PDB file of N, CA and C in Angstrom:
ATOM      1  N   MET A   1      11.513-130.083  87.754  1.00  0.00           N
ATOM      2  CA  MET A   1      12.936-129.860  87.493  1.00  0.00           C
ATOM      3  C   MET A   1      13.136-129.758  85.986  1.00  0.00           C
ATOM      4  N   GLN A   2      13.831-128.717  85.554  1.00  0.00           N
ATOM      5  CA  GLN A   2      14.046-128.490  84.132  1.00  0.00           C
ATOM      6  C   GLN A   2      15.298-129.221  83.654  1.00  0.00           C
ATOM      7  N   THR A   3      15.193-129.785  82.450  1.00  0.00           N
ATOM      8  CA  THR A   3      16.330-130.478  81.853  1.00  0.00           C
ATOM      9  C   THR A   3      17.143-129.517  81.002  1.00  0.00           C
ATOM     10  N   VAL A   4      18.454-129.611  81.164  1.00  0.00           N
ATOM     11  CA  VAL A   4      19.416-128.918  80.315  1.00  0.00           C
ATOM     12  C   VAL A   4      20.107-130.012  79.511  1.00  0.00           C
ATOM     13  N   VAL A   5      20.171-129.832  78.181  1.00  0.00           N
ATOM     14  CA  VAL A   5      20.857-130.822  77.359  1.00  0.00           C
ATOM     15  C   VAL A   5      22.246-130.316  76.992  1.00  0.00           C
ATOM     16  N   GLY A   6      23.177-131.242  77.021  1.00  0.00           N
ATOM     17  CA  GLY A   6      24.521-130.985  76.550  1.00  0.00           C
ATOM     18  C   GLY A   6      24.770-131.887  75.351  1.00  0.00           C
ATOM     19  N   VAL A   7      25.652-131.444  74.476  1.00  0.00           N
ATOM     20  CA  VAL A   7      25.924-132.191  73.250  1.00  0.00           C
ATOM     21  C   VAL A   7      27.417-132.459  73.115  1.00  0.00           C
ATOM     22  N   ALA A   8      27.748-133.743  73.008  1.00  0.00           N
ATOM     23  CA  ALA A   8      29.114-134.161  72.716  1.00  0.00           C
ATOM     24  C   ALA A   8      29.182-134.364  71.198  1.00  0.00           C
ATOM     25  N   ALA A   9      29.455-133.260  70.488  1.00  0.00           N
ATOM     26  CA  ALA A   9      29.487-133.282  69.024  1.00  0.00           C
ATOM     27  C   ALA A   9      30.829-133.839  68.567  1.00  0.00           C
ATOM     28  N   VAL A  10      30.770-134.916  67.792  1.00  0.00           N
ATOM     29  CA  VAL A  10      31.975-135.624  67.370  1.00  0.00           C
ATOM     30  C   VAL A  10      32.169-135.501  65.869  1.00  0.00           C
ATOM     31  N   ARG A  11      33.424-135.216  65.494  1.00  0.00           N
ATOM     32  CA  ARG A  11      33.821-135.187  64.072  1.00  0.00           C
ATOM     33  C   ARG A  11      35.218-135.783  63.983  1.00  0.00           C
ATOM     34  N   ASP A  12      35.379-136.769  63.131  1.00  0.00           N
ATOM     35  CA  ASP A  12      36.690-137.398  62.893  1.00  0.00           C
ATOM     36  C   ASP A  12      37.345-137.877  64.191  1.00  0.00           C
ATOM     37  N   GLY A  13      36.541-138.417  65.107  1.00  0.00           N
ATOM     38  CA  GLY A  13      37.077-138.959  66.346  1.00  0.00           C
ATOM     39  C   GLY A  13      37.405-137.925  67.414  1.00  0.00           C
ATOM     40  N   LEU A  14      37.094-136.658  67.157  1.00  0.00           N
ATOM     41  CA  LEU A  14      37.334-135.588  68.117  1.00  0.00           C
ATOM     42  C   LEU A  14      36.000-135.045  68.610  1.00  0.00           C
ATOM     43  N   VAL A  15      35.959-134.597  69.875  1.00  0.00           N
ATOM     44  CA  VAL A  15      34.727-134.048  70.443  1.00  0.00           C
ATOM     45  C   VAL A  15      34.914-132.552  70.685  1.00  0.00           C
ATOM     46  N   LEU A  16      33.879-131.780  70.357  1.00  0.00           N
ATOM     47  CA  LEU A  16      33.914-130.335  70.526  1.00  0.00           C
ATOM     48  C   LEU A  16      33.468-129.966  71.936  1.00  0.00           C
ATOM     49  N   ALA A  17      34.265-129.158  72.615  1.00  0.00           N
ATOM     50  CA  ALA A  17      33.929-128.686  73.952  1.00  0.00           C
ATOM     51  C   ALA A  17      34.010-127.163  73.973  1.00  0.00           C
ATOM     52  N   ALA A  18      33.274-126.572  74.916  1.00  0.00           N
ATOM     53  CA  ALA A  18      33.248-125.126  75.073  1.00  0.00           C
ATOM     54  C   ALA A  18      33.730-124.773  76.470  1.00  0.00           C
ATOM     55  N   TYR A  19      34.493-123.680  76.577  1.00  0.00           N
ATOM     56  CA  TYR A  19      35.025-123.269  77.871  1.00  0.00           C
ATOM     57  C   TYR A  19      34.176-122.148  78.445  1.00  0.00           C
ATOM     58  N   ARG A  20      33.681-122.378  79.656  1.00  0.00           N
ATOM     59  CA  ARG A  20      32.926-121.357  80.381  1.00  0.00           C
ATOM     60  C   ARG A  20      33.913-120.639  81.299  1.00  0.00           C
ATOM     61  N   ALA A  21      34.055-119.332  81.088  1.00  0.00           N
ATOM     62  CA  ALA A  21      35.001-118.536  81.875  1.00  0.00           C
ATOM     63  C   ALA A  21      34.422-118.217  83.247  1.00  0.00           C
ATOM     64  N   GLY A  22      35.261-117.690  84.098  1.00  0.00           N
ATOM     65  CA  GLY A  22      34.826-117.265  85.417  1.00  0.00           C
ATOM     66  C   GLY A  22      35.485-118.079  86.508  1.00  0.00           C
ATOM     67  N   PRO A  23      35.209-117.702  87.771  1.00  0.00           N
ATOM     68  CA  PRO A  23      35.863-118.369  88.893  1.00  0.00           C
ATOM     69  C   PRO A  23      35.529-119.858  88.983  1.00  0.00           C
ATOM     70  N   ASP A  24      34.349-120.239  88.553  1.00  0.00           N
ATOM     71  CA  ASP A  24      33.957-121.651  88.558  1.00  0.00           C
ATOM     72  C   ASP A  24      33.985-122.222  87.144  1.00  0.00           C
ATOM     73  N   GLY A  25      34.827-121.663  86.295  1.00  0.00           N
ATOM     74  CA  GLY A  25      34.850-122.035  84.886  1.00  0.00           C
ATOM     75  C   GLY A  25      35.444-123.405  84.633  1.00  0.00           C
ATOM     76  N   GLY A  26      35.285-123.836  83.406  1.00  0.00           N
ATOM     77  CA  GLY A  26      35.826-125.109  82.970  1.00  0.00           C
ATOM     78  C   GLY A  26      35.202-125.509  81.647  1.00  0.00           C
ATOM     79  N   TRP A  27      35.616-126.646  81.149  1.00  0.00           N
ATOM     80  CA  TRP A  27      35.082-127.164  79.898  1.00  0.00           C
ATOM     81  C   TRP A  27      33.704-127.766  80.138  1.00  0.00           C
ATOM     82  N   GLU A  28      32.845-127.641  79.122  1.00  0.00           N
ATOM     83  CA  GLU A  28      31.506-128.206  79.189  1.00  0.00           C
ATOM     84  C   GLU A  28      31.076-128.649  77.801  1.00  0.00           C
ATOM     85  N   PHE A  29      30.046-129.488  77.785  1.00  0.00           N
ATOM     86  CA  PHE A  29      29.402-129.837  76.530  1.00  0.00           C
ATOM     87  C   PHE A  29      28.399-128.734  76.239  1.00  0.00           C
ATOM     88  N   PRO A  30      28.498-128.074  75.074  1.00  0.00           N
ATOM     89  CA  PRO A  30      27.570-126.986  74.779  1.00  0.00           C
ATOM     90  C   PRO A  30      26.131-127.487  74.697  1.00  0.00           C
ATOM     91  N   GLY A  31      25.195-126.589  74.918  1.00  0.00           N
ATOM     92  CA  GLY A  31      23.784-126.936  74.882  1.00  0.00           C
ATOM     93  C   GLY A  31      22.987-125.917  75.646  1.00  0.00           C
ATOM     94  N   GLY A  32      21.824-126.332  76.145  1.00  0.00           N
ATOM     95  CA  GLY A  32      20.988-125.396  76.875  1.00  0.00           C
ATOM     96  C   GLY A  32      19.699-126.029  77.344  1.00  0.00           C
ATOM     97  N   LYS A  33      18.796-125.187  77.789  1.00  0.00           N
ATOM     98  CA  LYS A  33      17.545-125.632  78.394  1.00  0.00           C
ATOM     99  C   LYS A  33      16.566-126.167  77.357  1.00  0.00           C
ATOM    100  N   VAL A  34      15.857-127.214  77.763  1.00  0.00           N
ATOM    101  CA  VAL A  34      14.769-127.763  76.943  1.00  0.00           C
ATOM    102  C   VAL A  34      13.553-126.859  77.156  1.00  0.00           C
ATOM    103  N   GLU A  35      13.032-126.313  76.065  1.00  0.00           N
ATOM    104  CA  GLU A  35      11.873-125.431  76.132  1.00  0.00           C
ATOM    105  C   GLU A  35      10.582-126.247  76.177  1.00  0.00           C
ATOM    106  N   PRO A  36       9.496-125.665  76.708  1.00  0.00           N
ATOM    107  CA  PRO A  36       8.206-126.370  76.721  1.00  0.00           C
ATOM    108  C   PRO A  36       7.797-126.826  75.316  1.00  0.00           C
ATOM    109  N   GLY A  37       7.352-128.078  75.219  1.00  0.00           N
ATOM    110  CA  GLY A  37       6.923-128.626  73.940  1.00  0.00           C
ATOM    111  C   GLY A  37       8.040-129.228  73.101  1.00  0.00           C
ATOM    112  N   GLU A  38       9.281-129.119  73.554  1.00  0.00           N
ATOM    113  CA  GLU A  38      10.430-129.677  72.835  1.00  0.00           C
ATOM    114  C   GLU A  38      10.837-131.001  73.451  1.00  0.00           C
ATOM    115  N   THR A  39      11.341-131.900  72.614  1.00  0.00           N
ATOM    116  CA  THR A  39      12.017-133.083  73.147  1.00  0.00           C
ATOM    117  C   THR A  39      13.453-132.673  73.472  1.00  0.00           C
ATOM    118  N   GLU A  40      14.149-133.506  74.217  1.00  0.00           N
ATOM    119  CA  GLU A  40      15.556-133.221  74.510  1.00  0.00           C
ATOM    120  C   GLU A  40      16.367-133.154  73.227  1.00  0.00           C
ATOM    121  N   GLU A  41      16.067-134.047  72.292  1.00  0.00           N
ATOM    122  CA  GLU A  41      16.799-134.080  71.024  1.00  0.00           C
ATOM    123  C   GLU A  41      16.557-132.804  70.216  1.00  0.00           C
ATOM    124  N   GLN A  42      15.309-132.330  70.179  1.00  0.00           N
ATOM    125  CA  GLN A  42      14.999-131.089  69.453  1.00  0.00           C
ATOM    126  C   GLN A  42      15.717-129.904  70.094  1.00  0.00           C
ATOM    127  N   ALA A  43      15.746-129.868  71.418  1.00  0.00           N
ATOM    128  CA  ALA A  43      16.446-128.793  72.124  1.00  0.00           C
ATOM    129  C   ALA A  43      17.936-128.816  71.805  1.00  0.00           C
ATOM    130  N   ALA A  44      18.518-130.008  71.745  1.00  0.00           N
ATOM    131  CA  ALA A  44      19.942-130.134  71.429  1.00  0.00           C
ATOM    132  C   ALA A  44      20.239-129.557  70.049  1.00  0.00           C
ATOM    133  N   VAL A  45      19.422-129.913  69.071  1.00  0.00           N
ATOM    134  CA  VAL A  45      19.621-129.414  67.704  1.00  0.00           C
ATOM    135  C   VAL A  45      19.499-127.891  67.677  1.00  0.00           C
ATOM    136  N   ARG A  46      18.470-127.348  68.314  1.00  0.00           N
ATOM    137  CA  ARG A  46      18.239-125.897  68.325  1.00  0.00           C
ATOM    138  C   ARG A  46      19.377-125.163  69.035  1.00  0.00           C
ATOM    139  N   GLU A  47      19.757-125.643  70.210  1.00  0.00           N
ATOM    140  CA  GLU A  47      20.798-124.972  70.986  1.00  0.00           C
ATOM    141  C   GLU A  47      22.134-124.950  70.244  1.00  0.00           C
ATOM    142  N   ILE A  48      22.503-126.055  69.624  1.00  0.00           N
ATOM    143  CA  ILE A  48      23.790-126.105  68.913  1.00  0.00           C
ATOM    144  C   ILE A  48      23.752-125.230  67.667  1.00  0.00           C
ATOM    145  N   ARG A  49      22.606-125.149  67.035  1.00  0.00           N
ATOM    146  CA  ARG A  49      22.456-124.231  65.891  1.00  0.00           C
ATOM    147  C   ARG A  49      22.626-122.788  66.379  1.00  0.00           C
ATOM    148  N   GLU A  50      21.970-122.428  67.495  1.00  0.00           N
ATOM    149  CA  GLU A  50      22.037-121.056  68.011  1.00  0.00           C
ATOM    150  C   GLU A  50      23.419-120.705  68.553  1.00  0.00           C
ATOM    151  N   GLU A  51      24.014-121.605  69.321  1.00  0.00           N
ATOM    152  CA  GLU A  51      25.293-121.314  69.980  1.00  0.00           C
ATOM    153  C   GLU A  51      26.502-121.426  69.067  1.00  0.00           C
ATOM    154  N   LEU A  52      26.479-122.422  68.183  1.00  0.00           N
ATOM    155  CA  LEU A  52      27.694-122.753  67.429  1.00  0.00           C
ATOM    156  C   LEU A  52      27.544-122.712  65.912  1.00  0.00           C
ATOM    157  N   ASP A  53      26.314-122.478  65.425  1.00  0.00           N
ATOM    158  CA  ASP A  53      26.046-122.441  63.992  1.00  0.00           C
ATOM    159  C   ASP A  53      26.354-123.776  63.312  1.00  0.00           C
ATOM    160  N   LEU A  54      26.082-124.870  64.045  1.00  0.00           N
ATOM    161  CA  LEU A  54      26.294-126.216  63.512  1.00  0.00           C
ATOM    162  C   LEU A  54      24.962-126.942  63.369  1.00  0.00           C
ATOM    163  N   GLU A  55      24.882-127.802  62.370  1.00  0.00           N
ATOM    164  CA  GLU A  55      23.757-128.721  62.234  1.00  0.00           C
ATOM    165  C   GLU A  55      24.240-130.091  62.704  1.00  0.00           C
ATOM    166  N   ILE A  56      23.470-130.698  63.602  1.00  0.00           N
ATOM    167  CA  ILE A  56      23.883-131.986  64.168  1.00  0.00           C
ATOM    168  C   ILE A  56      22.792-133.024  64.011  1.00  0.00           C
ATOM    169  N   LYS A  57      23.215-134.271  64.130  1.00  0.00           N
ATOM    170  CA  LYS A  57      22.298-135.403  64.228  1.00  0.00           C
ATOM    171  C   LYS A  57      22.539-136.006  65.602  1.00  0.00           C
ATOM    172  N   VAL A  58      21.496-135.974  66.428  1.00  0.00           N
ATOM    173  CA  VAL A  58      21.627-136.439  67.808  1.00  0.00           C
ATOM    174  C   VAL A  58      21.634-137.961  67.841  1.00  0.00           C
ATOM    175  N   GLY A  59      22.549-138.506  68.625  1.00  0.00           N
ATOM    176  CA  GLY A  59      22.679-139.944  68.773  1.00  0.00           C
ATOM    177  C   GLY A  59      22.274-140.405  70.159  1.00  0.00           C
ATOM    178  N   THR A  60      23.027-141.337  70.701  1.00  0.00           N
ATOM    179  CA  THR A  60      22.673-141.963  71.972  1.00  0.00           C
ATOM    180  C   THR A  60      23.001-141.070  73.167  1.00  0.00           C
ATOM    181  N   SER A  61      22.324-141.356  74.251  1.00  0.00           N
ATOM    182  CA  SER A  61      22.562-140.687  75.524  1.00  0.00           C
ATOM    183  C   SER A  61      23.880-141.195  76.104  1.00  0.00           C
ATOM    184  N   LEU A  62      24.582-140.310  76.808  1.00  0.00           N
ATOM    185  CA  LEU A  62      25.830-140.706  77.464  1.00  0.00           C
ATOM    186  C   LEU A  62      25.596-141.071  78.935  1.00  0.00           C
ATOM    187  N   GLY A  63      24.395-141.525  79.227  1.00  0.00           N
ATOM    188  CA  GLY A  63      24.107-141.966  80.590  1.00  0.00           C
ATOM    189  C   GLY A  63      22.927-141.225  81.184  1.00  0.00           C
ATOM    190  N   PRO A  64      22.577-141.577  82.411  1.00  0.00           N
ATOM    191  CA  PRO A  64      21.428-140.942  83.050  1.00  0.00           C
ATOM    192  C   PRO A  64      21.705-139.471  83.361  1.00  0.00           C
ATOM    193  N   PRO A  65      20.652-138.650  83.447  1.00  0.00           N
ATOM    194  CA  PRO A  65      20.835-137.239  83.786  1.00  0.00           C
ATOM    195  C   PRO A  65      21.511-137.068  85.146  1.00  0.00           C
ATOM    196  N   VAL A  66      22.228-135.950  85.291  1.00  0.00           N
ATOM    197  CA  VAL A  66      22.914-135.590  86.524  1.00  0.00           C
ATOM    198  C   VAL A  66      22.229-134.341  87.078  1.00  0.00           C
ATOM    199  N   VAL A  67      21.915-134.353  88.359  1.00  0.00           N
ATOM    200  CA  VAL A  67      21.300-133.190  88.988  1.00  0.00           C
ATOM    201  C   VAL A  67      22.361-132.104  89.171  1.00  0.00           C
ATOM    202  N   ILE A  68      22.064-130.908  88.642  1.00  0.00           N
ATOM    203  CA  ILE A  68      22.979-129.766  88.750  1.00  0.00           C
ATOM    204  C   ILE A  68      22.636-128.947  89.987  1.00  0.00           C
ATOM    205  N   SER A  69      21.341-128.732  90.196  1.00  0.00           N
ATOM    206  CA  SER A  69      20.859-127.947  91.327  1.00  0.00           C
ATOM    207  C   SER A  69      19.434-128.404  91.621  1.00  0.00           C
ATOM    208  N   GLU A  70      18.783-127.737  92.543  1.00  0.00           N
ATOM    209  CA  GLU A  70      17.404-128.127  92.851  1.00  0.00           C
ATOM    210  C   GLU A  70      16.458-127.822  91.694  1.00  0.00           C
ATOM    211  N   HIS A  71      16.912-127.023  90.737  1.00  0.00           N
ATOM    212  CA  HIS A  71      16.056-126.637  89.615  1.00  0.00           C
ATOM    213  C   HIS A  71      16.412-127.296  88.283  1.00  0.00           C
ATOM    214  N   TYR A  72      17.639-127.787  88.151  1.00  0.00           N
ATOM    215  CA  TYR A  72      18.106-128.275  86.843  1.00  0.00           C
ATOM    216  C   TYR A  72      18.773-129.635  86.932  1.00  0.00           C
ATOM    217  N   ARG A  73      18.623-130.383  85.835  1.00  0.00           N
ATOM    218  CA  ARG A  73      19.379-131.621  85.655  1.00  0.00           C
ATOM    219  C   ARG A  73      19.976-131.578  84.250  1.00  0.00           C
ATOM    220  N   LEU A  74      21.144-132.188  84.099  1.00  0.00           N
ATOM    221  CA  LEU A  74      21.878-132.196  82.828  1.00  0.00           C
ATOM    222  C   LEU A  74      21.821-133.588  82.219  1.00  0.00           C
ATOM    223  N   HIS A  75      21.514-133.623  80.922  1.00  0.00           N
ATOM    224  CA  HIS A  75      21.498-134.872  80.164  1.00  0.00           C
ATOM    225  C   HIS A  75      22.325-134.626  78.904  1.00  0.00           C
ATOM    226  N   VAL A  76      23.348-135.433  78.682  1.00  0.00           N
ATOM    227  CA  VAL A  76      24.257-135.228  77.551  1.00  0.00           C
ATOM    228  C   VAL A  76      24.092-136.339  76.528  1.00  0.00           C
ATOM    229  N   TYR A  77      24.099-135.936  75.260  1.00  0.00           N
ATOM    230  CA  TYR A  77      23.943-136.854  74.132  1.00  0.00           C
ATOM    231  C   TYR A  77      25.153-136.773  73.211  1.00  0.00           C
ATOM    232  N   LEU A  78      25.481-137.910  72.636  1.00  0.00           N
ATOM    233  CA  LEU A  78      26.427-137.923  71.522  1.00  0.00           C
ATOM    234  C   LEU A  78      25.722-137.336  70.310  1.00  0.00           C
ATOM    235  N   ALA A  79      26.474-136.705  69.420  1.00  0.00           N
ATOM    236  CA  ALA A  79      25.905-136.205  68.181  1.00  0.00           C
ATOM    237  C   ALA A  79      26.990-136.173  67.120  1.00  0.00           C
ATOM    238  N   SER A  80      26.565-136.304  65.874  1.00  0.00           N
ATOM    239  CA  SER A  80      27.495-136.133  64.771  1.00  0.00           C
ATOM    240  C   SER A  80      27.186-134.796  64.098  1.00  0.00           C
ATOM    241  N   ILE A  81      28.224-134.158  63.610  1.00  0.00           N
ATOM    242  CA  ILE A  81      28.065-132.873  62.924  1.00  0.00           C
ATOM    243  C   ILE A  81      27.723-133.154  61.471  1.00  0.00           C
ATOM    244  N   VAL A  82      26.596-132.602  61.044  1.00  0.00           N
ATOM    245  CA  VAL A  82      26.107-132.823  59.687  1.00  0.00           C
ATOM    246  C   VAL A  82      26.608-131.714  58.757  1.00  0.00           C
ATOM    247  N   ALA A  83      26.634-130.465  59.258  1.00  0.00           N
ATOM    248  CA  ALA A  83      27.052-129.337  58.416  1.00  0.00           C
ATOM    249  C   ALA A  83      27.542-128.194  59.287  1.00  0.00           C
ATOM    250  N   GLY A  84      28.459-127.420  58.726  1.00  0.00           N
ATOM    251  CA  GLY A  84      28.922-126.207  59.371  1.00  0.00           C
ATOM    252  C   GLY A  84      30.264-126.352  60.058  1.00  0.00           C
ATOM    253  N   GLU A  85      30.799-125.195  60.415  1.00  0.00           N
ATOM    254  CA  GLU A  85      32.008-125.103  61.223  1.00  0.00           C
ATOM    255  C   GLU A  85      31.633-124.337  62.478  1.00  0.00           C
ATOM    256  N   PRO A  86      32.142-124.739  63.635  1.00  0.00           N
ATOM    257  CA  PRO A  86      31.731-124.080  64.879  1.00  0.00           C
ATOM    258  C   PRO A  86      32.121-122.608  64.920  1.00  0.00           C
ATOM    259  N   VAL A  87      31.174-121.790  65.381  1.00  0.00           N
ATOM    260  CA  VAL A  87      31.364-120.359  65.531  1.00  0.00           C
ATOM    261  C   VAL A  87      31.320-120.044  67.024  1.00  0.00           C
ATOM    262  N   LEU A  88      32.329-119.326  67.511  1.00  0.00           N
ATOM    263  CA  LEU A  88      32.402-118.959  68.922  1.00  0.00           C
ATOM    264  C   LEU A  88      31.468-117.779  69.176  1.00  0.00           C
ATOM    265  N   ARG A  89      30.427-118.012  69.986  1.00  0.00           N
ATOM    266  CA  ARG A  89      29.461-116.960  70.283  1.00  0.00           C
ATOM    267  C   ARG A  89      29.285-116.715  71.774  1.00  0.00           C
ATOM    268  N   GLU A  90      29.124-117.777  72.553  1.00  0.00           N
ATOM    269  CA  GLU A  90      28.716-117.624  73.953  1.00  0.00           C
ATOM    270  C   GLU A  90      29.766-118.082  74.963  1.00  0.00           C
ATOM    271  N   HIS A  91      30.852-118.645  74.501  1.00  0.00           N
ATOM    272  CA  HIS A  91      31.859-119.173  75.407  1.00  0.00           C
ATOM    273  C   HIS A  91      33.181-118.434  75.219  1.00  0.00           C
ATOM    274  N   ALA A  92      34.104-118.656  76.148  1.00  0.00           N
ATOM    275  CA  ALA A  92      35.420-118.030  76.059  1.00  0.00           C
ATOM    276  C   ALA A  92      36.291-118.697  75.002  1.00  0.00           C
ATOM    277  N   GLU A  93      36.055-119.998  74.775  1.00  0.00           N
ATOM    278  CA  GLU A  93      36.916-120.767  73.867  1.00  0.00           C
ATOM    279  C   GLU A  93      36.186-122.028  73.414  1.00  0.00           C
ATOM    280  N   LEU A  94      36.525-122.495  72.233  1.00  0.00           N
ATOM    281  CA  LEU A  94      36.080-123.798  71.731  1.00  0.00           C
ATOM    282  C   LEU A  94      37.318-124.630  71.453  1.00  0.00           C
ATOM    283  N   ARG A  95      37.220-125.938  71.657  1.00  0.00           N
ATOM    284  CA  ARG A  95      38.379-126.803  71.409  1.00  0.00           C
ATOM    285  C   ARG A  95      37.906-128.199  71.030  1.00  0.00           C
ATOM    286  N   TRP A  96      38.651-128.822  70.127  1.00  0.00           N
ATOM    287  CA  TRP A  96      38.425-130.219  69.766  1.00  0.00           C
ATOM    288  C   TRP A  96      39.334-131.079  70.645  1.00  0.00           C
ATOM    289  N   PHE A  97      38.765-132.052  71.317  1.00  0.00           N
ATOM    290  CA  PHE A  97      39.523-132.952  72.180  1.00  0.00           C
ATOM    291  C   PHE A  97      39.585-134.342  71.560  1.00  0.00           C
ATOM    292  N   GLY A  98      40.779-134.928  71.561  1.00  0.00           N
ATOM    293  CA  GLY A  98      40.935-136.326  71.204  1.00  0.00           C
ATOM    294  C   GLY A  98      40.707-137.189  72.432  1.00  0.00           C
ATOM    295  N   ARG A  99      40.525-138.462  72.208  1.00  0.00           N
ATOM    296  CA  ARG A  99      40.258-139.393  73.312  1.00  0.00           C
ATOM    297  C   ARG A  99      41.327-139.310  74.400  1.00  0.00           C
ATOM    298  N   ASP A 100      42.596-139.230  73.978  1.00  0.00           N
ATOM    299  CA  ASP A 100      43.698-139.217  74.950  1.00  0.00           C
ATOM    300  C   ASP A 100      43.852-137.870  75.661  1.00  0.00           C
ATOM    301  N   GLU A 101      43.088-136.869  75.247  1.00  0.00           N
ATOM    302  CA  GLU A 101      43.145-135.540  75.889  1.00  0.00           C
ATOM    303  C   GLU A 101      42.012-135.324  76.889  1.00  0.00           C
ATOM    304  N   LEU A 102      41.110-136.287  76.990  1.00  0.00           N
ATOM    305  CA  LEU A 102      39.954-136.137  77.873  1.00  0.00           C
ATOM    306  C   LEU A 102      40.349-136.399  79.326  1.00  0.00           C
ATOM    307  N   ASP A 103      40.545-135.317  80.065  1.00  0.00           N
ATOM    308  CA  ASP A 103      40.826-135.411  81.495  1.00  0.00           C
ATOM    309  C   ASP A 103      39.629-134.799  82.206  1.00  0.00           C
ATOM    310  N   ALA A 104      38.837-135.621  82.882  1.00  0.00           N
ATOM    311  CA  ALA A 104      37.585-135.165  83.485  1.00  0.00           C
ATOM    312  C   ALA A 104      37.783-134.019  84.471  1.00  0.00           C
ATOM    313  N   SER A 105      38.966-133.904  85.067  1.00  0.00           N
ATOM    314  CA  SER A 105      39.185-132.868  86.080  1.00  0.00           C
ATOM    315  C   SER A 105      39.145-131.455  85.508  1.00  0.00           C
ATOM    316  N   GLU A 106      39.351-131.308  84.204  1.00  0.00           N
ATOM    317  CA  GLU A 106      39.325-129.986  83.570  1.00  0.00           C
ATOM    318  C   GLU A 106      37.897-129.548  83.241  1.00  0.00           C
ATOM    319  N   TRP A 107      36.927-130.436  83.448  1.00  0.00           N
ATOM    320  CA  TRP A 107      35.550-130.177  83.054  1.00  0.00           C
ATOM    321  C   TRP A 107      34.725-129.703  84.241  1.00  0.00           C
ATOM    322  N   LEU A 108      33.626-129.006  83.951  1.00  0.00           N
ATOM    323  CA  LEU A 108      32.691-128.623  85.005  1.00  0.00           C
ATOM    324  C   LEU A 108      32.175-129.893  85.669  1.00  0.00           C
ATOM    325  N   VAL A 109      31.949-129.824  86.967  1.00  0.00           N
ATOM    326  CA  VAL A 109      31.580-131.013  87.743  1.00  0.00           C
ATOM    327  C   VAL A 109      30.390-131.785  87.149  1.00  0.00           C
ATOM    328  N   PRO A 110      29.287-131.119  86.743  1.00  0.00           N
ATOM    329  CA  PRO A 110      28.158-131.897  86.210  1.00  0.00           C
ATOM    330  C   PRO A 110      28.483-132.663  84.916  1.00  0.00           C
ATOM    331  N   ASP A 111      29.474-132.184  84.163  1.00  0.00           N
ATOM    332  CA  ASP A 111      29.824-132.814  82.884  1.00  0.00           C
ATOM    333  C   ASP A 111      30.757-134.019  83.045  1.00  0.00           C
ATOM    334  N   ARG A 112      31.420-134.132  84.185  1.00  0.00           N
ATOM    335  CA  ARG A 112      32.452-135.158  84.362  1.00  0.00           C
ATOM    336  C   ARG A 112      31.974-136.591  84.169  1.00  0.00           C
ATOM    337  N   PRO A 113      30.810-136.999  84.682  1.00  0.00           N
ATOM    338  CA  PRO A 113      30.377-138.388  84.432  1.00  0.00           C
ATOM    339  C   PRO A 113      30.195-138.683  82.938  1.00  0.00           C
ATOM    340  N   PHE A 114      29.787-137.660  82.185  1.00  0.00           N
ATOM    341  CA  PHE A 114      29.583-137.842  80.743  1.00  0.00           C
ATOM    342  C   PHE A 114      30.915-137.925  80.005  1.00  0.00           C
ATOM    343  N   VAL A 115      31.925-137.227  80.512  1.00  0.00           N
ATOM    344  CA  VAL A 115      33.273-137.307  79.928  1.00  0.00           C
ATOM    345  C   VAL A 115      33.780-138.741  80.057  1.00  0.00           C
ATOM    346  N   ARG A 116      33.599-139.322  81.232  1.00  0.00           N
ATOM    347  CA  ARG A 116      34.055-140.695  81.450  1.00  0.00           C
ATOM    348  C   ARG A 116      33.332-141.666  80.514  1.00  0.00           C
ATOM    349  N   GLU A 117      32.050-141.455  80.293  1.00  0.00           N
ATOM    350  CA  GLU A 117      31.288-142.324  79.387  1.00  0.00           C
ATOM    351  C   GLU A 117      31.715-142.075  77.937  1.00  0.00           C
ATOM    352  N   LEU A 118      31.954-140.834  77.580  1.00  0.00           N
ATOM    353  CA  LEU A 118      32.374-140.482  76.222  1.00  0.00           C
ATOM    354  C   LEU A 118      33.677-141.196  75.864  1.00  0.00           C
ATOM    355  N   PHE A 119      34.563-141.325  76.839  1.00  0.00           N
ATOM    356  CA  PHE A 119      35.851-141.979  76.630  1.00  0.00           C
ATOM    357  C   PHE A 119      35.660-143.355  75.985  1.00  0.00           C
ATOM    358  N   ARG A 120      34.602-144.036  76.364  1.00  0.00           N
ATOM    359  CA  ARG A 120      34.320-145.379  75.814  1.00  0.00           C
ATOM    360  C   ARG A 120      33.803-145.344  74.381  1.00  0.00           C
ATOM    361  N   HIS A 121      33.311-144.176  73.962  1.00  0.00           N
ATOM    362  CA  HIS A 121      32.690-144.062  72.638  1.00  0.00           C
ATOM    363  C   HIS A 121      33.655-143.546  71.561  1.00  0.00           C
ATOM    364  N   LEU A 122      34.768-142.955  71.984  1.00  0.00           N
ATOM    365  CA  LEU A 122      35.699-142.396  71.002  1.00  0.00           C
ATOM    366  C   LEU A 122      36.752-143.411  70.592  1.00  0.00           C
TER     367      LEU A 122
END
């Protein structure tokens, strides 16, 4: 089973989320697949650099991985933004969420347990 990493990038108490369009769309933590030979943390740094043009420092895990399908599991990490401003490349929208704006129902189903855990960290 391949791991997909998501990143809850936090700046000034706000978390960056990306909107995936389509019939099953919703907010998600940006990220992507862990490539062979990469750690989850290395994949997180690479994916956020590629998708958003941000440099991050990966922090703690937001809980155990969640199975997305028979082929993938999602693992989300907290991260701090070290440099850059987010650039919209692969998603329909980017948004900064404050703690009081985090409503798990607006998020993709696999991301929801991590949203609930993130609430405790903001």
